C-alpha atoms as a PDB file:
ATOM      1  CA  UNK A   1      48.883 199.137  14.444  1.00  0.00           C
ATOM      2  CA  UNK A   2      50.021 198.107  17.918  1.00  0.00           C
ATOM      3  CA  UNK A   3      52.457 195.915  19.157  1.00  0.00           C
ATOM      4  CA  UNK A   4      52.324 194.041  22.553  1.00  0.00           C
ATOM      5  CA  UNK A   5      55.185 194.921  24.764  1.00  0.00           C
ATOM      6  CA  UNK A   6      56.210 191.758  27.268  1.00  0.00           C
ATOM      7  CA  UNK A   7      58.409 191.487  29.872  1.00  0.00           C
ATOM      8  CA  UNK A   8      57.431 194.464  31.677  1.00  0.00           C
ATOM      9  CA  UNK A   9      54.540 192.885  34.103  1.00  0.00           C
ATOM     10  CA  UNK A  10      54.304 192.805  37.826  1.00  0.00           C
ATOM     11  CA  UNK A  11      55.872 189.389  38.086  1.00  0.00           C
ATOM     12  CA  UNK A  12      59.115 191.116  36.720  1.00  0.00           C
ATOM     13  CA  UNK A  13      59.351 193.656  39.240  1.00  0.00           C
ATOM     14  CA  UNK A  14      58.291 191.608  42.244  1.00  0.00           C
ATOM     15  CA  UNK A  15      61.573 189.491  41.297  1.00  0.00           C
ATOM     16  CA  UNK A  16      63.688 192.320  41.239  1.00  0.00           C
ATOM     17  CA  UNK A  17      62.574 193.898  44.470  1.00  0.00           C
ATOM     18  CA  UNK A  18      64.264 191.470  46.934  1.00  0.00           C
ATOM     19  CA  UNK A  19      67.511 192.151  45.092  1.00  0.00           C
ATOM     20  CA  UNK A  20      67.148 196.141  45.416  1.00  0.00           C
ATOM     21  CA  UNK A  21      66.328 195.717  48.933  1.00  0.00           C
ATOM     22  CA  UNK A  22      69.691 193.578  49.768  1.00  0.00           C
ATOM     23  CA  UNK A  23      72.029 196.013  47.803  1.00  0.00           C
ATOM     24  CA  UNK A  24      70.697 199.012  49.797  1.00  0.00           C
ATOM     25  CA  UNK A  25      70.955 197.468  53.020  1.00  0.00           C
ATOM     26  CA  UNK A  26      74.518 196.163  52.079  1.00  0.00           C
ATOM     27  CA  UNK A  27      75.265 199.678  50.722  1.00  0.00           C
ATOM     28  CA  UNK A  28      74.180 201.064  54.002  1.00  0.00           C
ATOM     29  CA  UNK A  29      76.430 198.594  56.242  1.00  0.00           C
ATOM     30  CA  UNK A  30      79.597 198.862  54.219  1.00  0.00           C
ATOM     31  CA  UNK A  31      80.523 202.407  55.580  1.00  0.00           C
ATOM     32  CA  UNK A  32      83.630 202.055  57.581  1.00  0.00           C
ATOM     33  CA  UNK A  33      83.960 205.774  58.944  1.00  0.00           C
ATOM     34  CA  UNK A  34      81.940 208.811  58.882  1.00  0.00           C
ATOM     35  CA  UNK A  35      82.995 211.334  55.980  1.00  0.00           C
ATOM     36  CA  UNK A  36      83.703 214.629  57.126  1.00  0.00           C
ATOM     37  CA  UNK A  37      83.034 217.844  55.078  1.00  0.00           C
ATOM     38  CA  UNK A  38      85.868 218.487  52.686  1.00  0.00           C
ATOM     39  CA  UNK A  39      87.352 222.102  52.707  1.00  0.00           C
ATOM     40  CA  UNK A  40      86.503 224.302  50.217  1.00  0.00           C
ATOM     41  CA  UNK A  41      89.014 224.060  47.269  1.00  0.00           C
ATOM     42  CA  UNK A  42      87.661 226.884  44.840  1.00  0.00           C
ATOM     43  CA  UNK A  43      89.322 230.333  45.384  1.00  0.00           C
ATOM     44  CA  UNK A  44      89.429 233.727  43.558  1.00  0.00           C
ATOM     45  CA  UNK A  45      92.318 236.105  43.619  1.00  0.00           C
ATOM     46  CA  UNK A  46      92.361 239.218  41.410  1.00  0.00           C
ATOM     47  CA  UNK A  47      95.281 240.333  39.562  1.00  0.00           C
ATOM     48  CA  UNK A  48      96.778 243.502  40.228  1.00  0.00           C
ATOM     49  CA  UNK A  49      95.027 245.121  37.197  1.00  0.00           C
ATOM     50  CA  UNK A  50      91.523 243.646  38.387  1.00  0.00           C
ATOM     51  CA  UNK A  51      92.379 244.920  41.963  1.00  0.00           C
ATOM     52  CA  UNK A  52      93.207 248.334  40.467  1.00  0.00           C
ATOM     53  CA  UNK A  53      89.800 248.261  38.531  1.00  0.00           C
ATOM     54  CA  UNK A  54      87.781 247.237  41.389  1.00  0.00           C
ATOM     55  CA  UNK A  55      89.201 249.970  43.587  1.00  0.00           C
ATOM     56  CA  UNK A  56      88.669 252.653  40.967  1.00  0.00           C
ATOM     57  CA  UNK A  57      85.032 251.544  40.606  1.00  0.00           C
ATOM     58  CA  UNK A  58      84.465 251.653  44.261  1.00  0.00           C
ATOM     59  CA  UNK A  59      85.964 255.618  44.198  1.00  0.00           C
ATOM     60  CA  UNK A  60      83.719 256.180  41.554  1.00  0.00           C
ATOM     61  CA  UNK A  61      80.789 255.062  43.113  1.00  0.00           C
ATOM     62  CA  UNK A  62      81.558 257.628  46.117  1.00  0.00           C
ATOM     63  CA  UNK A  63      83.090 260.458  44.079  1.00  0.00           C
ATOM     64  CA  UNK A  64      80.287 260.681  41.297  1.00  0.00           C
ATOM     65  CA  UNK A  65      77.014 260.840  42.709  1.00  0.00           C
ATOM     66  CA  UNK A  66      74.156 261.115  40.354  1.00  0.00           C
ATOM     67  CA  UNK A  67      72.747 264.533  40.065  1.00  0.00           C
ATOM     68  CA  UNK A  68      68.746 263.901  39.541  1.00  0.00           C
ATOM     69  CA  UNK A  69      68.022 267.438  39.278  1.00  0.00           C
ATOM     70  CA  UNK A  70      70.370 267.863  36.196  1.00  0.00           C
ATOM     71  CA  UNK A  71      68.901 265.055  34.489  1.00  0.00           C
ATOM     72  CA  UNK A  72      65.263 266.209  35.198  1.00  0.00           C
ATOM     73  CA  UNK A  73      66.246 269.817  33.735  1.00  0.00           C
ATOM     74  CA  UNK A  74      67.537 268.121  30.656  1.00  0.00           C
ATOM     75  CA  UNK A  75      65.076 265.787  29.998  1.00  0.00           C
ATOM     76  CA  UNK A  76      62.411 268.467  30.152  1.00  0.00           C
ATOM     77  CA  UNK A  77      64.552 270.938  27.892  1.00  0.00           C
ATOM     78  CA  UNK A  78      64.598 267.589  25.476  1.00  0.00           C
ATOM     79  CA  UNK A  79      60.841 267.163  25.457  1.00  0.00           C
ATOM     80  CA  UNK A  80      59.972 270.800  25.337  1.00  0.00           C
ATOM     81  CA  UNK A  81      62.456 271.208  22.165  1.00  0.00           C
ATOM     82  CA  UNK A  82      64.397 273.931  23.974  1.00  0.00           C
ATOM     83  CA  UNK A  83      67.443 271.992  24.321  1.00  0.00           C
ATOM     84  CA  UNK A  84      69.989 273.242  21.570  1.00  0.00           C
ATOM     85  CA  UNK A  85      73.252 271.363  20.284  1.00  0.00           C
ATOM     86  CA  UNK A  86      76.316 273.425  20.043  1.00  0.00           C
ATOM     87  CA  UNK A  87      77.930 271.320  17.010  1.00  0.00           C
ATOM     88  CA  UNK A  88      81.133 273.372  17.285  1.00  0.00           C
ATOM     89  CA  UNK A  89      81.569 272.612  21.041  1.00  0.00           C
ATOM     90  CA  UNK A  90      80.932 268.935  20.087  1.00  0.00           C
ATOM     91  CA  UNK A  91      83.592 268.961  17.162  1.00  0.00           C
ATOM     92  CA  UNK A  92      86.178 270.770  19.337  1.00  0.00           C
ATOM     93  CA  UNK A  93      85.664 268.247  22.178  1.00  0.00           C
ATOM     94  CA  UNK A  94      86.394 265.594  19.511  1.00  0.00           C
ATOM     95  CA  UNK A  95      89.550 267.196  18.483  1.00  0.00           C
ATOM     96  CA  UNK A  96      90.930 267.726  21.577  1.00  0.00           C
ATOM     97  CA  UNK A  97      90.169 263.839  22.263  1.00  0.00           C
ATOM     98  CA  UNK A  98      91.971 262.794  19.110  1.00  0.00           C
ATOM     99  CA  UNK A  99      94.991 265.105  19.912  1.00  0.00           C
ATOM    100  CA  UNK A 100      95.053 263.520  23.514  1.00  0.00           C
ATOM    101  CA  UNK A 101      95.208 259.843  22.007  1.00  0.00           C
ATOM    102  CA  UNK A 102      97.852 260.600  19.586  1.00  0.00           C
END
């Protein structure tokens, strides 16, 4: 089943077209003065904690270089099965960490 849509023919478009042109011309002629660029209103300011974290990150990037040789050696040891885990050392460090945290 289909319904005929009426009222959207070309005669309606031609009837509306002159009005649209008049609106465009009127909008273009109503400018009284050119509008300049508005200053940027957005700004960001870090808190003292944010600034400290940013400085810490920058220092860490400089102070802690990536040791590719060490990573390659560890990867090789893990892949070959020769890497040994010292459970006692890990447990001792966890106890030390717990003590330091209180």
